[in-house]
Amino acid sequence: MSCRVFTLIELLVVIAIIALLAAILFPVFSQAREKARQTSCLSNAKQLGLAIAMYRQDYDQVNPRHRLCPDRAGDGLCSTASPTSSTGPSETWWAPYGGSAGMLQPYVKSPMLFLCPSYPQGQVGYAMSYVSVGPMGKPDAEVTNPSVMFVWDHARTPGCADTRTGNTGPVWGIFPVSADTAHTHYPTRHSGGFTTLRYDGSAKWRKPASLTNTDFIGAP
């Protein structure tokens, strides 16, 4: 009785087919995984929007600031403070950062909301806009653009404005998309785009190239 076995050629054909299928399917699985992370990130943004709304209700309808610097003499609102250097042990950001639990800590159930699943290396995966024409620190009545971006994916500190040489406060400008060659301020980690929290509490995926100045202005 004879027993049939695979020939070397047949075995090589099977291996080639498996390799071809893997090459086709692995990118699909990767895209599906990133889509799930994007969905999780959008959910985080929406919940952060609810936390900001609750904060606003408790503070006379005034929006939170991105950072407070009580140890900085004459500049408790961090108007001219470096975004990358600590100003003292009492410094507080809107999100958990450094040794601070963050201003929104009482309004969120888990600190995991501040972590982007596609950016595990950062203490915080998001930044709050502190451009001077944005909603940060302003009374709710002064913010008339409901779609202005308030918080979005970021890869540096929990605050975002134009801090390049010659663009330091107290008037903070919009960091231009064209200058963000490293995709730090407007990351492309979610399928070529990033998630944003708008002032009306909605979350939206955006491509950096789609941004205009109106996206940053609270009262156009």
N, C-alpha and C. Protein backbone atom coordinates (compact mmCIF):
# COMPACT_ATOMS: atom_id res chain seq x y z
N MET A 1 0.85 -1.19 0.00
CA MET A 1 0.00 0.00 0.00
C MET A 1 0.89 1.24 0.00
N SER A 2 0.67 2.10 -0.95
CA SER A 2 1.49 3.31 -1.08
C SER A 2 0.87 4.48 -0.31
N CYS A 3 1.71 5.33 0.19
CA CYS A 3 1.25 6.51 0.93
C CYS A 3 1.73 7.76 0.19
N ARG A 4 0.76 8.60 -0.20
CA ARG A 4 1.12 9.79 -0.98
C ARG A 4 1.67 10.88 -0.05
N VAL A 5 2.75 11.52 -0.47
CA VAL A 5 3.35 12.61 0.31
C VAL A 5 3.48 13.83 -0.59
N PHE A 6 3.63 14.98 0.05
CA PHE A 6 3.82 16.22 -0.71
C PHE A 6 5.21 16.22 -1.34
N THR A 7 5.24 16.68 -2.55
CA THR A 7 6.55 16.88 -3.18
C THR A 7 7.08 18.25 -2.75
N LEU A 8 8.33 18.47 -2.98
CA LEU A 8 8.95 19.74 -2.60
C LEU A 8 8.28 20.90 -3.32
N ILE A 9 7.95 20.70 -4.57
CA ILE A 9 7.30 21.77 -5.36
C ILE A 9 5.94 22.10 -4.77
N GLU A 10 5.17 21.05 -4.43
CA GLU A 10 3.84 21.29 -3.84
C GLU A 10 3.95 22.03 -2.51
N LEU A 11 4.94 21.66 -1.72
CA LEU A 11 5.14 22.32 -0.43
C LEU A 11 5.50 23.79 -0.62
N LEU A 12 6.34 24.07 -1.59
CA LEU A 12 6.72 25.46 -1.87
C LEU A 12 5.54 26.27 -2.37
N VAL A 13 4.66 25.62 -3.15
CA VAL A 13 3.45 26.30 -3.64
C VAL A 13 2.55 26.66 -2.48
N VAL A 14 2.36 25.72 -1.54
CA VAL A 14 1.52 25.98 -0.37
C VAL A 14 2.09 27.13 0.46
N ILE A 15 3.42 27.10 0.67
CA ILE A 15 4.05 28.18 1.44
C ILE A 15 3.87 29.52 0.73
N ALA A 16 4.01 29.53 -0.58
CA ALA A 16 3.84 30.78 -1.35
C ALA A 16 2.42 31.31 -1.24
N ILE A 17 1.43 30.40 -1.27
CA ILE A 17 0.02 30.82 -1.15
C ILE A 17 -0.23 31.41 0.23
N ILE A 18 0.30 30.76 1.27
CA ILE A 18 0.13 31.27 2.63
C ILE A 18 0.77 32.65 2.78
N ALA A 19 1.96 32.81 2.21
CA ALA A 19 2.65 34.09 2.28
C ALA A 19 1.87 35.18 1.55
N LEU A 20 1.28 34.81 0.41
CA LEU A 20 0.49 35.77 -0.37
C LEU A 20 -0.75 36.19 0.40
N LEU A 21 -1.43 35.22 1.00
CA LEU A 21 -2.63 35.54 1.79
C LEU A 21 -2.27 36.42 2.98
N ALA A 22 -1.14 36.13 3.63
CA ALA A 22 -0.71 36.94 4.77
C ALA A 22 -0.43 38.38 4.34
N ALA A 23 0.22 38.54 3.19
CA ALA A 23 0.53 39.88 2.69
C ALA A 23 -0.74 40.66 2.38
N ILE A 24 -1.78 39.95 1.97
CA ILE A 24 -3.04 40.62 1.65
C ILE A 24 -3.83 40.95 2.91
N LEU A 25 -3.83 40.01 3.87
CA LEU A 25 -4.71 40.14 5.03
C LEU A 25 -4.12 40.98 6.16
N PHE A 26 -2.79 40.95 6.34
CA PHE A 26 -2.20 41.68 7.46
C PHE A 26 -2.50 43.18 7.42
N PRO A 27 -2.38 43.85 6.26
CA PRO A 27 -2.76 45.27 6.22
C PRO A 27 -4.23 45.49 6.55
N VAL A 28 -5.08 44.57 6.15
CA VAL A 28 -6.50 44.69 6.46
C VAL A 28 -6.73 44.61 7.96
N PHE A 29 -6.05 43.64 8.61
CA PHE A 29 -6.17 43.51 10.06
C PHE A 29 -5.63 44.75 10.77
N SER A 30 -4.51 45.29 10.24
CA SER A 30 -3.92 46.48 10.83
C SER A 30 -4.86 47.67 10.72
N GLN A 31 -5.50 47.82 9.58
CA GLN A 31 -6.44 48.92 9.38
C GLN A 31 -7.65 48.77 10.30
N ALA A 32 -8.12 47.53 10.46
CA ALA A 32 -9.27 47.28 11.34
C ALA A 32 -8.90 47.61 12.78
N ARG A 33 -7.68 47.24 13.19
CA ARG A 33 -7.23 47.53 14.56
C ARG A 33 -7.14 49.04 14.78
N GLU A 34 -6.59 49.76 13.80
CA GLU A 34 -6.47 51.20 13.94
C GLU A 34 -7.84 51.87 13.93
N LYS A 35 -8.78 51.32 13.15
CA LYS A 35 -10.14 51.87 13.14
C LYS A 35 -10.78 51.74 14.51
N ALA A 36 -10.52 50.61 15.18
CA ALA A 36 -11.04 50.40 16.53
C ALA A 36 -10.42 51.40 17.50
N ARG A 37 -9.12 51.66 17.35
CA ARG A 37 -8.46 52.63 18.21
C ARG A 37 -9.00 54.03 17.96
N GLN A 38 -9.28 54.34 16.71
CA GLN A 38 -9.85 55.65 16.37
C GLN A 38 -11.22 55.81 17.01
N THR A 39 -12.02 54.77 16.98
CA THR A 39 -13.34 54.81 17.61
C THR A 39 -13.22 55.02 19.11
N SER A 40 -12.24 54.35 19.72
CA SER A 40 -12.00 54.51 21.15
C SER A 40 -11.57 55.94 21.47
N CYS A 41 -10.75 56.49 20.59
CA CYS A 41 -10.26 57.85 20.78
C CYS A 41 -11.41 58.87 20.66
N LEU A 42 -12.30 58.65 19.72
CA LEU A 42 -13.46 59.53 19.57
C LEU A 42 -14.36 59.45 20.80
N SER A 43 -14.48 58.25 21.37
CA SER A 43 -15.26 58.08 22.59
C SER A 43 -14.61 58.84 23.75
N ASN A 44 -13.28 58.77 23.84
CA ASN A 44 -12.57 59.53 24.87
C ASN A 44 -12.85 61.02 24.73
N ALA A 45 -12.79 61.51 23.50
CA ALA A 45 -13.00 62.94 23.25
C ALA A 45 -14.40 63.37 23.69
N LYS A 46 -15.40 62.57 23.38
CA LYS A 46 -16.77 62.91 23.77
C LYS A 46 -16.92 62.98 25.28
N GLN A 47 -16.29 62.02 25.97
CA GLN A 47 -16.39 62.01 27.43
C GLN A 47 -15.61 63.16 28.05
N LEU A 48 -14.51 63.55 27.42
CA LEU A 48 -13.79 64.73 27.90
C LEU A 48 -14.64 65.98 27.70
N GLY A 49 -15.42 65.99 26.62
CA GLY A 49 -16.33 67.11 26.39
C GLY A 49 -17.37 67.22 27.49
N LEU A 50 -17.88 66.09 27.94
CA LEU A 50 -18.85 66.10 29.05
C LEU A 50 -18.18 66.60 30.33
N ALA A 51 -16.94 66.18 30.57
CA ALA A 51 -16.21 66.62 31.76
C ALA A 51 -16.00 68.13 31.73
N ILE A 52 -15.64 68.67 30.57
CA ILE A 52 -15.45 70.11 30.44
C ILE A 52 -16.75 70.86 30.68
N ALA A 53 -17.87 70.31 30.17
CA ALA A 53 -19.18 70.94 30.37
C ALA A 53 -19.54 70.96 31.86
N MET A 54 -19.24 69.87 32.59
CA MET A 54 -19.53 69.84 34.02
C MET A 54 -18.64 70.81 34.78
N TYR A 55 -17.37 70.90 34.37
CA TYR A 55 -16.47 71.88 34.98
C TYR A 55 -17.04 73.29 34.79
N ARG A 56 -17.48 73.57 33.57
CA ARG A 56 -18.00 74.90 33.25
C ARG A 56 -19.21 75.24 34.13
N GLN A 57 -20.07 74.27 34.38
CA GLN A 57 -21.24 74.51 35.22
C GLN A 57 -20.85 74.87 36.65
N ASP A 58 -19.77 74.26 37.12
CA ASP A 58 -19.33 74.51 38.50
C ASP A 58 -18.53 75.79 38.65
N TYR A 59 -18.10 76.38 37.54
CA TYR A 59 -17.26 77.58 37.60
C TYR A 59 -17.90 78.75 36.84
N ASP A 60 -19.18 78.98 37.15
CA ASP A 60 -19.90 80.16 36.62
C ASP A 60 -19.84 80.25 35.10
N GLN A 61 -19.97 79.10 34.43
CA GLN A 61 -20.01 79.05 32.97
C GLN A 61 -18.73 79.57 32.31
N VAL A 62 -17.63 79.42 33.00
CA VAL A 62 -16.33 79.81 32.45
C VAL A 62 -15.55 78.53 32.11
N ASN A 63 -14.96 78.50 30.95
CA ASN A 63 -14.22 77.32 30.50
C ASN A 63 -12.91 77.14 31.27
N PRO A 64 -12.47 75.89 31.40
CA PRO A 64 -11.18 75.65 32.05
C PRO A 64 -10.04 76.20 31.21
N ARG A 65 -8.94 76.50 31.88
CA ARG A 65 -7.73 76.91 31.19
C ARG A 65 -6.88 75.67 30.95
N HIS A 66 -5.93 75.78 30.03
CA HIS A 66 -5.10 74.60 29.76
C HIS A 66 -4.12 74.34 30.88
N ARG A 67 -3.84 75.42 31.70
CA ARG A 67 -2.77 75.30 32.69
C ARG A 67 -2.84 76.46 33.67
N LEU A 68 -2.49 76.21 34.91
CA LEU A 68 -2.38 77.25 35.92
C LEU A 68 -0.98 77.18 36.53
N CYS A 69 -0.38 78.35 36.75
CA CYS A 69 1.00 78.41 37.25
C CYS A 69 1.07 79.30 38.50
N PRO A 70 0.49 78.85 39.62
CA PRO A 70 0.48 79.69 40.82
C PRO A 70 1.87 79.99 41.39
N ASP A 71 2.87 79.19 41.06
CA ASP A 71 4.23 79.44 41.56
C ASP A 71 4.98 80.48 40.73
N ARG A 72 4.37 80.90 39.64
CA ARG A 72 5.03 81.84 38.74
C ARG A 72 4.59 83.26 39.10
N ALA A 73 5.46 84.05 39.68
CA ALA A 73 5.13 85.39 40.16
C ALA A 73 4.60 86.27 39.04
N GLY A 74 3.41 86.82 39.25
CA GLY A 74 2.81 87.73 38.27
C GLY A 74 2.27 87.07 37.03
N ASP A 75 2.29 85.73 36.97
CA ASP A 75 1.81 85.04 35.77
C ASP A 75 1.12 83.72 36.15
N GLY A 76 0.15 83.83 37.03
CA GLY A 76 -0.56 82.65 37.49
C GLY A 76 -1.35 81.94 36.41
N LEU A 77 -1.64 82.64 35.31
CA LEU A 77 -2.39 82.03 34.20
C LEU A 77 -1.46 81.51 33.10
N CYS A 78 -0.18 81.48 33.36
CA CYS A 78 0.81 80.91 32.43
C CYS A 78 0.83 81.62 31.08
N SER A 79 0.58 82.92 31.09
CA SER A 79 0.47 83.66 29.83
C SER A 79 1.76 83.67 29.03
N THR A 80 2.89 83.66 29.72
CA THR A 80 4.18 83.70 29.01
C THR A 80 5.09 82.54 29.42
N ALA A 81 4.53 81.54 30.07
CA ALA A 81 5.35 80.42 30.55
C ALA A 81 5.71 79.47 29.41
N SER A 82 6.88 78.88 29.50
CA SER A 82 7.30 77.89 28.51
C SER A 82 6.39 76.66 28.60
N PRO A 83 5.94 76.14 27.46
CA PRO A 83 5.06 74.99 27.51
C PRO A 83 5.76 73.68 27.85
N THR A 84 7.08 73.69 27.84
CA THR A 84 7.82 72.44 28.07
C THR A 84 8.58 72.42 29.39
N SER A 85 8.50 73.50 30.17
CA SER A 85 9.22 73.56 31.44
C SER A 85 8.26 73.73 32.60
N SER A 86 8.49 73.00 33.68
CA SER A 86 7.65 73.12 34.87
C SER A 86 7.84 74.48 35.51
N THR A 87 6.76 75.05 36.04
CA THR A 87 6.83 76.36 36.69
C THR A 87 6.82 76.24 38.20
N GLY A 88 6.76 75.03 38.73
CA GLY A 88 6.76 74.84 40.18
C GLY A 88 5.88 73.69 40.61
N PRO A 89 5.95 73.31 41.87
CA PRO A 89 5.21 72.14 42.36
C PRO A 89 3.70 72.30 42.36
N SER A 90 3.21 73.54 42.34
CA SER A 90 1.77 73.76 42.37
C SER A 90 1.15 73.87 40.97
N GLU A 91 1.97 73.73 39.94
CA GLU A 91 1.47 73.82 38.56
C GLU A 91 0.38 72.78 38.31
N THR A 92 -0.68 73.20 37.63
CA THR A 92 -1.80 72.30 37.34
C THR A 92 -2.20 72.44 35.88
N TRP A 93 -2.31 71.31 35.20
CA TRP A 93 -2.80 71.29 33.82
C TRP A 93 -4.26 70.85 33.82
N TRP A 94 -4.91 70.98 32.69
CA TRP A 94 -6.31 70.54 32.60
C TRP A 94 -6.40 69.02 32.69
N ALA A 95 -5.34 68.33 32.28
CA ALA A 95 -5.28 66.87 32.26
C ALA A 95 -4.17 66.40 33.20
N PRO A 96 -4.15 65.11 33.57
CA PRO A 96 -3.07 64.61 34.41
C PRO A 96 -1.73 64.74 33.71
N TYR A 97 -0.81 65.49 34.31
CA TYR A 97 0.48 65.71 33.66
C TYR A 97 1.49 66.11 34.72
N GLY A 98 2.68 65.58 34.63
CA GLY A 98 3.67 65.84 35.66
C GLY A 98 3.20 65.24 36.97
N GLY A 99 3.15 66.04 38.00
CA GLY A 99 2.65 65.56 39.29
C GLY A 99 1.23 65.98 39.57
N SER A 100 0.57 66.60 38.58
CA SER A 100 -0.79 67.11 38.77
C SER A 100 -1.84 66.10 38.32
N ALA A 101 -2.91 65.99 39.10
CA ALA A 101 -4.02 65.10 38.72
C ALA A 101 -4.88 65.72 37.63
N GLY A 102 -4.77 67.03 37.45
CA GLY A 102 -5.52 67.70 36.40
C GLY A 102 -6.82 68.32 36.90
N MET A 103 -7.21 69.43 36.29
CA MET A 103 -8.42 70.14 36.69
C MET A 103 -9.70 69.34 36.45
N LEU A 104 -9.67 68.46 35.45
CA LEU A 104 -10.88 67.70 35.12
C LEU A 104 -10.99 66.41 35.92
N GLN A 105 -10.02 66.13 36.77
CA GLN A 105 -10.00 64.87 37.50
C GLN A 105 -11.31 64.57 38.23
N PRO A 106 -11.96 65.55 38.89
CA PRO A 106 -13.21 65.23 39.60
C PRO A 106 -14.37 64.87 38.67
N TYR A 107 -14.22 65.11 37.38
CA TYR A 107 -15.34 64.93 36.45
C TYR A 107 -15.20 63.72 35.53
N VAL A 108 -14.15 62.95 35.71
CA VAL A 108 -13.95 61.77 34.88
C VAL A 108 -13.86 60.53 35.77
N LYS A 109 -14.29 59.40 35.24
CA LYS A 109 -14.30 58.16 36.02
C LYS A 109 -12.95 57.44 35.99
N SER A 110 -12.20 57.67 34.93
CA SER A 110 -10.93 56.96 34.79
C SER A 110 -9.89 57.84 34.10
N PRO A 111 -8.65 57.85 34.60
CA PRO A 111 -7.59 58.62 33.93
C PRO A 111 -7.25 58.07 32.55
N MET A 112 -7.75 56.86 32.24
CA MET A 112 -7.49 56.27 30.93
C MET A 112 -8.12 57.10 29.81
N LEU A 113 -9.08 57.94 30.14
CA LEU A 113 -9.72 58.79 29.12
C LEU A 113 -8.72 59.75 28.49
N PHE A 114 -7.65 60.03 29.20
CA PHE A 114 -6.67 61.00 28.71
C PHE A 114 -5.58 60.34 27.86
N LEU A 115 -5.68 59.02 27.69
CA LEU A 115 -4.65 58.30 26.94
C LEU A 115 -5.19 57.88 25.58
N CYS A 116 -4.48 58.28 24.53
CA CYS A 116 -4.85 57.85 23.19
C CYS A 116 -4.29 56.44 22.96
N PRO A 117 -5.13 55.48 22.56
CA PRO A 117 -4.65 54.10 22.37
C PRO A 117 -3.59 53.96 21.29
N SER A 118 -3.46 54.95 20.42
CA SER A 118 -2.43 54.90 19.38
C SER A 118 -1.20 55.72 19.75
N TYR A 119 -1.17 56.23 20.98
CA TYR A 119 -0.02 57.01 21.45
C TYR A 119 0.28 56.62 22.90
N PRO A 120 0.71 55.39 23.12
CA PRO A 120 0.90 54.89 24.49
C PRO A 120 2.10 55.49 25.21
N GLN A 121 3.01 56.15 24.49
CA GLN A 121 4.23 56.64 25.13
C GLN A 121 4.04 57.96 25.85
N GLY A 122 2.92 58.64 25.67
CA GLY A 122 2.72 59.93 26.29
C GLY A 122 1.90 59.85 27.57
N GLN A 123 2.18 60.78 28.52
CA GLN A 123 1.35 60.85 29.73
C GLN A 123 -0.09 61.21 29.37
N VAL A 124 -0.21 62.07 28.37
CA VAL A 124 -1.52 62.51 27.88
C VAL A 124 -1.48 62.45 26.36
N GLY A 125 -2.52 61.93 25.77
CA GLY A 125 -2.56 61.81 24.32
C GLY A 125 -3.24 62.97 23.63
N TYR A 126 -3.71 63.95 24.41
CA TYR A 126 -4.49 65.05 23.85
C TYR A 126 -3.97 66.40 24.36
N ALA A 127 -4.33 67.46 23.66
CA ALA A 127 -3.95 68.80 24.08
C ALA A 127 -5.15 69.71 24.00
N MET A 128 -5.19 70.69 24.91
CA MET A 128 -6.23 71.71 24.87
C MET A 128 -5.70 72.94 24.14
N SER A 129 -6.51 73.49 23.27
CA SER A 129 -6.12 74.70 22.56
C SER A 129 -5.99 75.86 23.54
N TYR A 130 -4.86 76.58 23.45
CA TYR A 130 -4.78 77.81 24.23
C TYR A 130 -4.42 79.00 23.34
N VAL A 131 -4.81 78.92 22.07
CA VAL A 131 -4.66 80.08 21.20
C VAL A 131 -5.56 81.20 21.74
N SER A 132 -5.13 82.42 21.61
CA SER A 132 -5.82 83.54 22.24
C SER A 132 -7.25 83.73 21.73
N VAL A 133 -7.52 83.30 20.50
CA VAL A 133 -8.87 83.47 19.94
C VAL A 133 -9.74 82.23 20.17
N GLY A 134 -9.22 81.26 20.90
CA GLY A 134 -9.97 80.03 21.16
C GLY A 134 -10.86 80.14 22.39
N PRO A 135 -11.50 79.03 22.78
CA PRO A 135 -12.46 79.07 23.89
C PRO A 135 -11.84 78.95 25.28
N MET A 136 -10.57 78.60 25.38
CA MET A 136 -9.97 78.35 26.68
C MET A 136 -10.07 79.56 27.61
N GLY A 137 -10.57 79.31 28.84
CA GLY A 137 -10.64 80.34 29.86
C GLY A 137 -11.69 81.41 29.65
N LYS A 138 -12.47 81.28 28.59
CA LYS A 138 -13.47 82.30 28.28
C LYS A 138 -14.86 81.91 28.80
N PRO A 139 -15.72 82.90 29.11
CA PRO A 139 -17.11 82.59 29.48
C PRO A 139 -17.83 81.92 28.32
N ASP A 140 -18.73 81.03 28.62
CA ASP A 140 -19.47 80.30 27.60
C ASP A 140 -20.18 81.25 26.63
N ALA A 141 -20.69 82.36 27.14
CA ALA A 141 -21.43 83.30 26.30
C ALA A 141 -20.56 83.94 25.22
N GLU A 142 -19.26 83.96 25.42
CA GLU A 142 -18.37 84.57 24.44
C GLU A 142 -17.99 83.62 23.30
N VAL A 143 -18.28 82.34 23.46
CA VAL A 143 -17.91 81.35 22.44
C VAL A 143 -19.13 81.13 21.54
N THR A 144 -19.12 81.72 20.37
CA THR A 144 -20.27 81.65 19.47
C THR A 144 -20.07 80.68 18.31
N ASN A 145 -18.90 80.10 18.22
CA ASN A 145 -18.62 79.11 17.17
C ASN A 145 -18.69 77.71 17.78
N PRO A 146 -19.80 76.99 17.63
CA PRO A 146 -19.93 75.68 18.28
C PRO A 146 -18.98 74.62 17.75
N SER A 147 -18.43 74.83 16.56
CA SER A 147 -17.54 73.82 15.98
C SER A 147 -16.06 74.12 16.19
N VAL A 148 -15.75 75.15 16.98
CA VAL A 148 -14.34 75.46 17.24
C VAL A 148 -13.71 74.29 17.99
N MET A 149 -12.51 73.92 17.62
CA MET A 149 -11.82 72.80 18.26
C MET A 149 -11.30 73.23 19.63
N PHE A 150 -11.54 72.38 20.64
CA PHE A 150 -11.13 72.68 22.00
C PHE A 150 -10.01 71.74 22.45
N VAL A 151 -10.15 70.46 22.14
CA VAL A 151 -9.16 69.44 22.51
C VAL A 151 -8.95 68.53 21.31
N TRP A 152 -7.70 68.10 21.09
CA TRP A 152 -7.46 67.17 19.98
C TRP A 152 -6.20 66.33 20.25
N ASP A 153 -6.02 65.31 19.40
CA ASP A 153 -4.83 64.47 19.50
C ASP A 153 -3.58 65.33 19.44
N HIS A 154 -2.60 64.97 20.25
CA HIS A 154 -1.36 65.74 20.28
C HIS A 154 -0.22 64.83 20.68
N ALA A 155 0.99 65.20 20.35
CA ALA A 155 2.13 64.34 20.66
C ALA A 155 3.22 65.09 21.40
N ARG A 156 2.81 66.06 22.21
CA ARG A 156 3.82 66.81 22.96
C ARG A 156 3.30 67.05 24.37
N THR A 157 2.92 68.28 24.70
CA THR A 157 2.36 68.58 26.02
C THR A 157 0.84 68.66 25.92
N PRO A 158 0.13 68.77 27.06
CA PRO A 158 -1.34 68.84 27.02
C PRO A 158 -1.90 70.20 26.61
N GLY A 159 -1.10 71.03 25.97
CA GLY A 159 -1.56 72.31 25.47
C GLY A 159 -1.03 72.54 24.07
N CYS A 160 -1.80 73.25 23.23
CA CYS A 160 -1.35 73.47 21.86
C CYS A 160 -1.60 74.91 21.42
N ALA A 161 -0.55 75.56 20.98
CA ALA A 161 -0.58 76.89 20.37
C ALA A 161 0.75 77.07 19.66
N ASP A 162 0.93 78.18 19.01
CA ASP A 162 2.18 78.42 18.30
C ASP A 162 3.22 78.93 19.29
N THR A 163 4.16 78.06 19.66
CA THR A 163 5.19 78.42 20.64
C THR A 163 6.57 78.49 20.01
N ARG A 164 6.63 78.66 18.69
CA ARG A 164 7.94 78.76 18.04
C ARG A 164 8.64 80.05 18.43
N THR A 165 9.93 80.11 18.20
CA THR A 165 10.70 81.31 18.52
C THR A 165 10.08 82.53 17.82
N GLY A 166 9.83 83.56 18.61
CA GLY A 166 9.21 84.77 18.05
C GLY A 166 7.69 84.75 18.14
N ASN A 167 7.12 83.63 18.61
CA ASN A 167 5.67 83.54 18.74
C ASN A 167 5.26 83.20 20.17
N THR A 168 6.04 83.68 21.14
CA THR A 168 5.73 83.42 22.53
C THR A 168 4.74 84.46 23.06
N GLY A 169 3.94 84.06 24.08
CA GLY A 169 2.83 84.84 24.63
C GLY A 169 3.18 86.30 24.92
N PRO A 170 2.21 87.06 25.46
CA PRO A 170 0.92 86.57 25.96
C PRO A 170 -0.17 86.33 24.91
N VAL A 171 0.07 86.77 23.67
CA VAL A 171 -0.89 86.50 22.61
C VAL A 171 -0.43 85.25 21.86
N TRP A 172 -1.21 84.18 22.00
CA TRP A 172 -0.83 82.90 21.39
C TRP A 172 -1.55 82.70 20.07
N GLY A 173 -0.78 82.40 19.03
CA GLY A 173 -1.35 82.21 17.71
C GLY A 173 -1.63 80.76 17.40
N ILE A 174 -2.19 80.52 16.23
CA ILE A 174 -2.51 79.18 15.74
C ILE A 174 -1.26 78.57 15.12
N PHE A 175 -0.91 77.36 15.55
CA PHE A 175 0.24 76.71 14.93
C PHE A 175 -0.14 76.31 13.51
N PRO A 176 0.56 76.81 12.50
CA PRO A 176 0.19 76.53 11.11
C PRO A 176 0.40 75.07 10.74
N VAL A 177 -0.53 74.52 10.01
CA VAL A 177 -0.43 73.13 9.57
C VAL A 177 0.82 72.92 8.73
N SER A 178 1.15 73.89 7.92
CA SER A 178 2.30 73.75 7.02
C SER A 178 3.61 73.62 7.78
N ALA A 179 3.66 74.13 9.01
CA ALA A 179 4.89 74.06 9.81
C ALA A 179 4.98 72.78 10.63
N ASP A 180 3.90 72.02 10.68
CA ASP A 180 3.87 70.81 11.50
C ASP A 180 4.36 69.60 10.70
N THR A 181 5.61 69.67 10.27
CA THR A 181 6.16 68.59 9.44
C THR A 181 6.35 67.30 10.23
N ALA A 182 6.48 67.39 11.55
CA ALA A 182 6.68 66.20 12.38
C ALA A 182 5.34 65.63 12.85
N HIS A 183 4.24 66.26 12.46
CA HIS A 183 2.90 65.81 12.88
C HIS A 183 2.81 65.70 14.40
N THR A 184 3.33 66.71 15.07
CA THR A 184 3.27 66.77 16.52
C THR A 184 1.97 67.43 16.98
N HIS A 185 1.63 68.56 16.37
CA HIS A 185 0.46 69.33 16.76
C HIS A 185 -0.83 68.77 16.16
N TYR A 186 -0.73 68.20 14.99
CA TYR A 186 -1.89 67.60 14.31
C TYR A 186 -1.47 66.22 13.81
N PRO A 187 -1.45 65.23 14.69
CA PRO A 187 -0.93 63.90 14.33
C PRO A 187 -1.74 63.22 13.24
N THR A 188 -1.10 62.28 12.59
CA THR A 188 -1.78 61.48 11.57
C THR A 188 -1.84 60.03 12.00
N ARG A 189 -1.88 59.79 13.32
CA ARG A 189 -1.81 58.43 13.83
C ARG A 189 -3.09 57.62 13.64
N HIS A 190 -4.19 58.29 13.35
CA HIS A 190 -5.44 57.58 13.11
C HIS A 190 -5.75 57.58 11.62
N SER A 191 -5.18 56.64 10.89
CA SER A 191 -5.45 56.48 9.46
C SER A 191 -5.23 57.78 8.69
N GLY A 192 -4.15 58.48 9.01
CA GLY A 192 -3.82 59.70 8.29
C GLY A 192 -4.47 60.95 8.83
N GLY A 193 -5.15 60.84 9.98
CA GLY A 193 -5.81 62.00 10.56
C GLY A 193 -5.78 61.95 12.08
N PHE A 194 -6.55 62.82 12.73
CA PHE A 194 -6.57 62.89 14.18
C PHE A 194 -7.98 63.19 14.67
N THR A 195 -8.25 62.88 15.93
CA THR A 195 -9.57 63.11 16.50
C THR A 195 -9.61 64.46 17.19
N THR A 196 -10.76 65.11 17.12
CA THR A 196 -10.93 66.43 17.73
C THR A 196 -12.19 66.46 18.56
N LEU A 197 -12.16 67.27 19.61
CA LEU A 197 -13.35 67.57 20.40
C LEU A 197 -13.74 69.00 20.10
N ARG A 198 -14.97 69.18 19.61
CA ARG A 198 -15.43 70.52 19.30
C ARG A 198 -16.19 71.11 20.50
N TYR A 199 -16.41 72.40 20.46
CA TYR A 199 -16.99 73.07 21.62
C TYR A 199 -18.41 72.59 21.93
N ASP A 200 -19.13 72.16 20.91
CA ASP A 200 -20.49 71.69 21.15
C ASP A 200 -20.53 70.28 21.75
N GLY A 201 -19.36 69.70 22.02
CA GLY A 201 -19.30 68.39 22.64
C GLY A 201 -19.18 67.24 21.65
N SER A 202 -19.24 67.53 20.36
CA SER A 202 -19.13 66.48 19.36
C SER A 202 -17.66 66.17 19.07
N ALA A 203 -17.40 64.95 18.67
CA ALA A 203 -16.05 64.53 18.33
C ALA A 203 -16.00 64.21 16.84
N LYS A 204 -14.90 64.58 16.20
CA LYS A 204 -14.80 64.40 14.76
C LYS A 204 -13.37 64.05 14.36
N TRP A 205 -13.26 63.18 13.38
CA TRP A 205 -11.96 62.83 12.81
C TRP A 205 -11.63 63.84 11.71
N ARG A 206 -10.41 64.35 11.72
CA ARG A 206 -10.02 65.34 10.73
C ARG A 206 -8.67 65.00 10.11
N LYS A 207 -8.48 65.43 8.89
CA LYS A 207 -7.15 65.40 8.27
C LYS A 207 -6.54 66.78 8.45
N PRO A 208 -5.25 66.87 8.77
CA PRO A 208 -4.63 68.17 8.96
C PRO A 208 -4.86 69.14 7.80
N ALA A 209 -4.84 68.62 6.58
CA ALA A 209 -4.99 69.49 5.41
C ALA A 209 -6.38 70.14 5.34
N SER A 210 -7.34 69.61 6.09
CA SER A 210 -8.71 70.15 6.04
C SER A 210 -8.91 71.33 6.99
N LEU A 211 -7.93 71.62 7.85
CA LEU A 211 -8.08 72.65 8.86
C LEU A 211 -8.01 74.06 8.25
N THR A 212 -8.84 74.93 8.80
CA THR A 212 -8.79 76.36 8.45
C THR A 212 -8.74 77.15 9.76
N ASN A 213 -8.48 78.43 9.68
CA ASN A 213 -8.41 79.25 10.89
C ASN A 213 -9.71 79.23 11.68
N THR A 214 -10.84 79.09 10.99
CA THR A 214 -12.13 79.07 11.66
C THR A 214 -12.23 77.93 12.66
N ASP A 215 -11.52 76.85 12.42
CA ASP A 215 -11.54 75.72 13.34
C ASP A 215 -10.95 76.06 14.71
N PHE A 216 -10.22 77.17 14.80
CA PHE A 216 -9.55 77.53 16.04
C PHE A 216 -10.15 78.78 16.70
N ILE A 217 -11.07 79.43 16.03
CA ILE A 217 -11.58 80.73 16.51
C ILE A 217 -12.93 80.52 17.21
N GLY A 218 -13.01 80.95 18.47
CA GLY A 218 -14.22 80.76 19.25
C GLY A 218 -15.35 81.70 18.91
N ALA A 219 -15.01 82.88 18.41
CA ALA A 219 -16.04 83.86 18.07
C ALA A 219 -15.68 84.52 16.74
N PRO A 220 -15.94 83.82 15.61
CA PRO A 220 -15.55 84.36 14.29
C PRO A 220 -16.37 85.58 13.90
